[in-house]
Amino acid sequence: MKTFEEIETAAKNLPPREREKLARSLSSQPSVGSVRARCLDIDGDRLLEAPAGALAMTPERVKQLLDEFP
């Protein structure tokens, strides 16, 4: 088993297409037991991973939330 640092370094050394493929794969897998969003940094790109079961943040959902905000 590799440490997180080793895995992160290996991921950063992947060719761009492979990094994108890895990011898509990881983002499509819900975190088991996670109840908070987390920030991922993949080659300088910051991605926000929502917890499992969270509502999708579609443009329509964001607009609805903003309309409901006081």
PDB file of N, CA and C in Angstrom:
ATOM      1  N   MET A   1       0.840  -1.179   0.000  1.00  0.00           N
ATOM      2  CA  MET A   1       0.000   0.000   0.000  1.00  0.00           C
ATOM      3  C   MET A   1       0.885   1.241   0.000  1.00  0.00           C
ATOM      4  N   LYS A   2       0.602   2.154  -0.873  1.00  0.00           N
ATOM      5  CA  LYS A   2       1.383   3.386  -0.972  1.00  0.00           C
ATOM      6  C   LYS A   2       0.794   4.442  -0.047  1.00  0.00           C
ATOM      7  N   THR A   3       1.651   5.377   0.355  1.00  0.00           N
ATOM      8  CA  THR A   3       1.159   6.485   1.168  1.00  0.00           C
ATOM      9  C   THR A   3       0.428   7.467   0.264  1.00  0.00           C
ATOM     10  N   PHE A   4      -0.380   8.311   0.870  1.00  0.00           N
ATOM     11  CA  PHE A   4      -1.118   9.300   0.096  1.00  0.00           C
ATOM     12  C   PHE A   4      -0.160  10.197  -0.675  1.00  0.00           C
ATOM     13  N   GLU A   5       0.963  10.587  -0.046  1.00  0.00           N
ATOM     14  CA  GLU A   5       1.943  11.441  -0.712  1.00  0.00           C
ATOM     15  C   GLU A   5       2.488  10.787  -1.972  1.00  0.00           C
ATOM     16  N   GLU A   6       2.787   9.498  -1.901  1.00  0.00           N
ATOM     17  CA  GLU A   6       3.307   8.777  -3.068  1.00  0.00           C
ATOM     18  C   GLU A   6       2.255   8.707  -4.176  1.00  0.00           C
ATOM     19  N   ILE A   7       1.019   8.476  -3.788  1.00  0.00           N
ATOM     20  CA  ILE A   7      -0.061   8.401  -4.769  1.00  0.00           C
ATOM     21  C   ILE A   7      -0.276   9.770  -5.417  1.00  0.00           C
ATOM     22  N   GLU A   8      -0.270  10.818  -4.597  1.00  0.00           N
ATOM     23  CA  GLU A   8      -0.454  12.171  -5.114  1.00  0.00           C
ATOM     24  C   GLU A   8       0.670  12.544  -6.083  1.00  0.00           C
ATOM     25  N   THR A   9       1.910  12.212  -5.744  1.00  0.00           N
ATOM     26  CA  THR A   9       3.051  12.489  -6.615  1.00  0.00           C
ATOM     27  C   THR A   9       2.917  11.726  -7.930  1.00  0.00           C
ATOM     28  N   ALA A  10       2.534  10.464  -7.842  1.00  0.00           N
ATOM     29  CA  ALA A  10       2.353   9.659  -9.055  1.00  0.00           C
ATOM     30  C   ALA A  10       1.257  10.259  -9.935  1.00  0.00           C
ATOM     31  N   ALA A  11       0.171  10.709  -9.318  1.00  0.00           N
ATOM     32  CA  ALA A  11      -0.932  11.294 -10.087  1.00  0.00           C
ATOM     33  C   ALA A  11      -0.491  12.578 -10.785  1.00  0.00           C
ATOM     34  N   LYS A  12       0.313  13.386 -10.102  1.00  0.00           N
ATOM     35  CA  LYS A  12       0.785  14.637 -10.702  1.00  0.00           C
ATOM     36  C   LYS A  12       1.741  14.382 -11.863  1.00  0.00           C
ATOM     37  N   ASN A  13       2.386  13.230 -11.885  1.00  0.00           N
ATOM     38  CA  ASN A  13       3.332  12.901 -12.952  1.00  0.00           C
ATOM     39  C   ASN A  13       2.685  12.207 -14.148  1.00  0.00           C
ATOM     40  N   LEU A  14       1.392  11.986 -14.096  1.00  0.00           N
ATOM     41  CA  LEU A  14       0.691  11.371 -15.222  1.00  0.00           C
ATOM     42  C   LEU A  14       0.586  12.356 -16.376  1.00  0.00           C
ATOM     43  N   PRO A  15       0.501  11.848 -17.602  1.00  0.00           N
ATOM     44  CA  PRO A  15       0.243  12.728 -18.743  1.00  0.00           C
ATOM     45  C   PRO A  15      -1.131  13.395 -18.552  1.00  0.00           C
ATOM     46  N   PRO A  16      -1.334  14.580 -19.132  1.00  0.00           N
ATOM     47  CA  PRO A  16      -2.587  15.319 -18.932  1.00  0.00           C
ATOM     48  C   PRO A  16      -3.863  14.502 -19.160  1.00  0.00           C
ATOM     49  N   ARG A  17      -3.910  13.723 -20.230  1.00  0.00           N
ATOM     50  CA  ARG A  17      -5.130  12.930 -20.495  1.00  0.00           C
ATOM     51  C   ARG A  17      -5.384  11.904 -19.394  1.00  0.00           C
ATOM     52  N   GLU A  18      -4.324  11.288 -18.902  1.00  0.00           N
ATOM     53  CA  GLU A  18      -4.472  10.293 -17.838  1.00  0.00           C
ATOM     54  C   GLU A  18      -4.899  10.960 -16.528  1.00  0.00           C
ATOM     55  N   ARG A  19      -4.364  12.175 -16.257  1.00  0.00           N
ATOM     56  CA  ARG A  19      -4.787  12.921 -15.061  1.00  0.00           C
ATOM     57  C   ARG A  19      -6.275  13.233 -15.131  1.00  0.00           C
ATOM     58  N   GLU A  20      -6.737  13.677 -16.310  1.00  0.00           N
ATOM     59  CA  GLU A  20      -8.160  13.984 -16.486  1.00  0.00           C
ATOM     60  C   GLU A  20      -9.005  12.735 -16.264  1.00  0.00           C
ATOM     61  N   LYS A  21      -8.550  11.620 -16.817  1.00  0.00           N
ATOM     62  CA  LYS A  21      -9.273  10.353 -16.658  1.00  0.00           C
ATOM     63  C   LYS A  21      -9.331   9.956 -15.183  1.00  0.00           C
ATOM     64  N   LEU A  22      -8.222  10.103 -14.476  1.00  0.00           N
ATOM     65  CA  LEU A  22      -8.186   9.793 -13.050  1.00  0.00           C
ATOM     66  C   LEU A  22      -9.114  10.715 -12.266  1.00  0.00           C
ATOM     67  N   ALA A  23      -9.079  12.009 -12.575  1.00  0.00           N
ATOM     68  CA  ALA A  23      -9.943  12.975 -11.877  1.00  0.00           C
ATOM     69  C   ALA A  23     -11.408  12.642 -12.093  1.00  0.00           C
ATOM     70  N   ARG A  24     -11.784  12.300 -13.339  1.00  0.00           N
ATOM     71  CA  ARG A  24     -13.186  11.927 -13.624  1.00  0.00           C
ATOM     72  C   ARG A  24     -13.569  10.670 -12.869  1.00  0.00           C
ATOM     73  N   SER A  25     -12.670   9.703 -12.849  1.00  0.00           N
ATOM     74  CA  SER A  25     -12.953   8.451 -12.161  1.00  0.00           C
ATOM     75  C   SER A  25     -13.134   8.672 -10.668  1.00  0.00           C
ATOM     76  N   LEU A  26     -12.237   9.441 -10.073  1.00  0.00           N
ATOM     77  CA  LEU A  26     -12.328   9.700  -8.637  1.00  0.00           C
ATOM     78  C   LEU A  26     -13.552  10.529  -8.287  1.00  0.00           C
ATOM     79  N   SER A  27     -13.885  11.492  -9.146  1.00  0.00           N
ATOM     80  CA  SER A  27     -15.031  12.351  -8.841  1.00  0.00           C
ATOM     81  C   SER A  27     -16.361  11.626  -9.030  1.00  0.00           C
ATOM     82  N   SER A  28     -16.361  10.537  -9.784  1.00  0.00           N
ATOM     83  CA  SER A  28     -17.608   9.804  -9.997  1.00  0.00           C
ATOM     84  C   SER A  28     -17.867   8.780  -8.899  1.00  0.00           C
ATOM     85  N   GLN A  29     -16.872   8.561  -8.030  1.00  0.00           N
ATOM     86  CA  GLN A  29     -17.018   7.588  -6.950  1.00  0.00           C
ATOM     87  C   GLN A  29     -17.313   8.320  -5.650  1.00  0.00           C
ATOM     88  N   PRO A  30     -18.486   8.077  -5.067  1.00  0.00           N
ATOM     89  CA  PRO A  30     -18.809   8.766  -3.817  1.00  0.00           C
ATOM     90  C   PRO A  30     -17.894   8.315  -2.689  1.00  0.00           C
ATOM     91  N   SER A  31     -17.572   9.234  -1.810  1.00  0.00           N
ATOM     92  CA  SER A  31     -16.763   8.905  -0.638  1.00  0.00           C
ATOM     93  C   SER A  31     -17.642   8.198   0.379  1.00  0.00           C
ATOM     94  N   VAL A  32     -17.226   7.044   0.798  1.00  0.00           N
ATOM     95  CA  VAL A  32     -18.003   6.263   1.757  1.00  0.00           C
ATOM     96  C   VAL A  32     -17.930   6.922   3.126  1.00  0.00           C
ATOM     97  N   GLY A  33     -19.082   7.222   3.689  1.00  0.00           N
ATOM     98  CA  GLY A  33     -19.147   7.771   5.031  1.00  0.00           C
ATOM     99  C   GLY A  33     -18.799   9.242   5.139  1.00  0.00           C
ATOM    100  N   SER A  34     -18.491   9.888   4.051  1.00  0.00           N
ATOM    101  CA  SER A  34     -18.147  11.301   4.104  1.00  0.00           C
ATOM    102  C   SER A  34     -19.405  12.139   4.310  1.00  0.00           C
ATOM    103  N   VAL A  35     -19.336  13.077   5.228  1.00  0.00           N
ATOM    104  CA  VAL A  35     -20.482  13.949   5.475  1.00  0.00           C
ATOM    105  C   VAL A  35     -20.153  15.401   5.164  1.00  0.00           C
ATOM    106  N   ARG A  36     -18.921  15.662   4.731  1.00  0.00           N
ATOM    107  CA  ARG A  36     -18.511  17.015   4.396  1.00  0.00           C
ATOM    108  C   ARG A  36     -17.915  17.030   2.993  1.00  0.00           C
ATOM    109  N   ALA A  37     -18.062  18.161   2.343  1.00  0.00           N
ATOM    110  CA  ALA A  37     -17.407  18.333   1.050  1.00  0.00           C
ATOM    111  C   ALA A  37     -15.907  18.421   1.287  1.00  0.00           C
ATOM    112  N   ARG A  38     -15.134  18.063   0.265  1.00  0.00           N
ATOM    113  CA  ARG A  38     -13.686  18.199   0.400  1.00  0.00           C
ATOM    114  C   ARG A  38     -13.121  18.773  -0.883  1.00  0.00           C
ATOM    115  N   CYS A  39     -12.014  19.468  -0.738  1.00  0.00           N
ATOM    116  CA  CYS A  39     -11.353  20.105  -1.866  1.00  0.00           C
ATOM    117  C   CYS A  39     -10.234  19.196  -2.354  1.00  0.00           C
ATOM    118  N   LEU A  40     -10.225  18.922  -3.644  1.00  0.00           N
ATOM    119  CA  LEU A  40      -9.179  18.112  -4.260  1.00  0.00           C
ATOM    120  C   LEU A  40      -8.294  19.038  -5.087  1.00  0.00           C
ATOM    121  N   ASP A  41      -7.007  18.818  -5.069  1.00  0.00           N
ATOM    122  CA  ASP A  41      -6.080  19.590  -5.880  1.00  0.00           C
ATOM    123  C   ASP A  41      -5.396  18.620  -6.828  1.00  0.00           C
ATOM    124  N   ILE A  42      -5.773  18.684  -8.090  1.00  0.00           N
ATOM    125  CA  ILE A  42      -5.189  17.797  -9.091  1.00  0.00           C
ATOM    126  C   ILE A  42      -4.447  18.660 -10.106  1.00  0.00           C
ATOM    127  N   ASP A  43      -3.127  18.622  -9.992  1.00  0.00           N
ATOM    128  CA  ASP A  43      -2.255  19.372 -10.893  1.00  0.00           C
ATOM    129  C   ASP A  43      -2.628  20.853 -10.941  1.00  0.00           C
ATOM    130  N   GLY A  44      -2.876  21.426  -9.784  1.00  0.00           N
ATOM    131  CA  GLY A  44      -3.185  22.849  -9.711  1.00  0.00           C
ATOM    132  C   GLY A  44      -4.645  23.193  -9.926  1.00  0.00           C
ATOM    133  N   ASP A  45      -5.441  22.232 -10.362  1.00  0.00           N
ATOM    134  CA  ASP A  45      -6.873  22.464 -10.531  1.00  0.00           C
ATOM    135  C   ASP A  45      -7.573  22.069  -9.240  1.00  0.00           C
ATOM    136  N   ARG A  46      -8.345  22.982  -8.683  1.00  0.00           N
ATOM    137  CA  ARG A  46      -9.065  22.676  -7.452  1.00  0.00           C
ATOM    138  C   ARG A  46     -10.484  22.246  -7.796  1.00  0.00           C
ATOM    139  N   LEU A  47     -10.860  21.096  -7.258  1.00  0.00           N
ATOM    140  CA  LEU A  47     -12.191  20.542  -7.469  1.00  0.00           C
ATOM    141  C   LEU A  47     -12.859  20.352  -6.120  1.00  0.00           C
ATOM    142  N   LEU A  48     -14.147  20.602  -6.042  1.00  0.00           N
ATOM    143  CA  LEU A  48     -14.891  20.396  -4.811  1.00  0.00           C
ATOM    144  C   LEU A  48     -15.683  19.103  -4.950  1.00  0.00           C
ATOM    145  N   GLU A  49     -15.419  18.153  -4.063  1.00  0.00           N
ATOM    146  CA  GLU A  49     -16.124  16.876  -4.074  1.00  0.00           C
ATOM    147  C   GLU A  49     -17.221  16.939  -3.018  1.00  0.00           C
ATOM    148  N   ALA A  50     -18.443  16.773  -3.466  1.00  0.00           N
ATOM    149  CA  ALA A  50     -19.588  16.797  -2.551  1.00  0.00           C
ATOM    150  C   ALA A  50     -19.669  15.471  -1.807  1.00  0.00           C
ATOM    151  N   PRO A  51     -20.226  15.488  -0.609  1.00  0.00           N
ATOM    152  CA  PRO A  51     -20.381  14.235   0.124  1.00  0.00           C
ATOM    153  C   PRO A  51     -21.405  13.331  -0.560  1.00  0.00           C
ATOM    154  N   ALA A  52     -21.313  12.054  -0.265  1.00  0.00           N
ATOM    155  CA  ALA A  52     -22.257  11.094  -0.839  1.00  0.00           C
ATOM    156  C   ALA A  52     -23.679  11.500  -0.480  1.00  0.00           C
ATOM    157  N   GLY A  53     -24.568  11.436  -1.450  1.00  0.00           N
ATOM    158  CA  GLY A  53     -25.971  11.750  -1.212  1.00  0.00           C
ATOM    159  C   GLY A  53     -26.321  13.219  -1.339  1.00  0.00           C
ATOM    160  N   ALA A  54     -25.333  14.074  -1.582  1.00  0.00           N
ATOM    161  CA  ALA A  54     -25.602  15.508  -1.713  1.00  0.00           C
ATOM    162  C   ALA A  54     -26.348  15.770  -3.021  1.00  0.00           C
ATOM    163  N   LEU A  55     -27.155  16.814  -3.008  1.00  0.00           N
ATOM    164  CA  LEU A  55     -27.875  17.192  -4.221  1.00  0.00           C
ATOM    165  C   LEU A  55     -26.888  17.686  -5.267  1.00  0.00           C
ATOM    166  N   ALA A  56     -27.178  17.392  -6.521  1.00  0.00           N
ATOM    167  CA  ALA A  56     -26.329  17.854  -7.617  1.00  0.00           C
ATOM    168  C   ALA A  56     -26.431  19.369  -7.719  1.00  0.00           C
ATOM    169  N   MET A  57     -25.298  20.029  -7.936  1.00  0.00           N
ATOM    170  CA  MET A  57     -25.291  21.483  -8.049  1.00  0.00           C
ATOM    171  C   MET A  57     -25.402  21.877  -9.517  1.00  0.00           C
ATOM    172  N   THR A  58     -26.567  21.631 -10.063  1.00  0.00           N
ATOM    173  CA  THR A  58     -26.836  22.012 -11.445  1.00  0.00           C
ATOM    174  C   THR A  58     -27.127  23.510 -11.473  1.00  0.00           C
ATOM    175  N   PRO A  59     -27.019  24.149 -12.629  1.00  0.00           N
ATOM    176  CA  PRO A  59     -27.353  25.576 -12.699  1.00  0.00           C
ATOM    177  C   PRO A  59     -28.770  25.861 -12.184  1.00  0.00           C
ATOM    178  N   GLU A  60     -29.697  24.966 -12.481  1.00  0.00           N
ATOM    179  CA  GLU A  60     -31.072  25.154 -12.014  1.00  0.00           C
ATOM    180  C   GLU A  60     -31.153  25.104 -10.490  1.00  0.00           C
ATOM    181  N   ARG A  61     -30.417  24.168  -9.877  1.00  0.00           N
ATOM    182  CA  ARG A  61     -30.432  24.041  -8.417  1.00  0.00           C
ATOM    183  C   ARG A  61     -29.777  25.258  -7.760  1.00  0.00           C
ATOM    184  N   VAL A  62     -28.687  25.735  -8.323  1.00  0.00           N
ATOM    185  CA  VAL A  62     -28.019  26.917  -7.771  1.00  0.00           C
ATOM    186  C   VAL A  62     -28.941  28.120  -7.858  1.00  0.00           C
ATOM    187  N   LYS A  63     -29.622  28.294  -8.991  1.00  0.00           N
ATOM    188  CA  LYS A  63     -30.566  29.407  -9.151  1.00  0.00           C
ATOM    189  C   LYS A  63     -31.678  29.308  -8.108  1.00  0.00           C
ATOM    190  N   GLN A  64     -32.196  28.105  -7.907  1.00  0.00           N
ATOM    191  CA  GLN A  64     -33.254  27.894  -6.917  1.00  0.00           C
ATOM    192  C   GLN A  64     -32.764  28.282  -5.524  1.00  0.00           C
ATOM    193  N   LEU A  65     -31.569  27.857  -5.157  1.00  0.00           N
ATOM    194  CA  LEU A  65     -31.008  28.181  -3.853  1.00  0.00           C
ATOM    195  C   LEU A  65     -30.831  29.686  -3.693  1.00  0.00           C
ATOM    196  N   LEU A  66     -30.349  30.348  -4.742  1.00  0.00           N
ATOM    197  CA  LEU A  66     -30.176  31.797  -4.668  1.00  0.00           C
ATOM    198  C   LEU A  66     -31.512  32.527  -4.553  1.00  0.00           C
ATOM    199  N   ASP A  67     -32.531  32.018  -5.250  1.00  0.00           N
ATOM    200  CA  ASP A  67     -33.870  32.619  -5.164  1.00  0.00           C
ATOM    201  C   ASP A  67     -34.447  32.469  -3.759  1.00  0.00           C
ATOM    202  N   GLU A  68     -34.125  31.357  -3.085  1.00  0.00           N
ATOM    203  CA  GLU A  68     -34.657  31.108  -1.754  1.00  0.00           C
ATOM    204  C   GLU A  68     -33.863  31.816  -0.659  1.00  0.00           C
ATOM    205  N   PHE A  69     -32.659  32.277  -0.981  1.00  0.00           N
ATOM    206  CA  PHE A  69     -31.794  32.905   0.013  1.00  0.00           C
ATOM    207  C   PHE A  69     -32.375  34.276   0.382  1.00  0.00           C
ATOM    208  N   PRO A  70     -32.451  34.562   1.681  1.00  0.00           N
ATOM    209  CA  PRO A  70     -33.062  35.850   2.103  1.00  0.00           C
ATOM    210  C   PRO A  70     -32.314  37.071   1.641  1.00  0.00           C
TER     211      PRO A  70
END
